[in-house]
């Protein structure tokens, strides 16, 4: 997940330019995926309690209100949504026949001794 997502972030950062540090985008990506996979969890941000699918958006708005750059947040959200769709939503659709685009390569599973 991290290798594929980091690769997508680096390619998009190169295409859109003017962004050299993509760690914020990777953090937003992981926050987005965690929030989408745990939709019933709640978090408290400042004085508000929010559901976790909205957490990356709230953090982006807070960054925007503090005068920060929102481009890296949006980059992480776009890549996170792409990964979430192709890993968790698309394989469940009847037209996909269970196809997973971001499947872990067999060679990596063999090296890491993963029985799955």
Foldseek 3Di string as FASTA:
>chain_A
DLVVLVVQLVVVCVVVDPDDDLPLLSVLLVQQLVQVVQQVDWDDDDHDIDTSNCVLVVVLVVCVVVPHDSVSSVSSVVSSVVQCCQAPPQLPDPVNVNDHPPDDDPVVCVVVVPPD
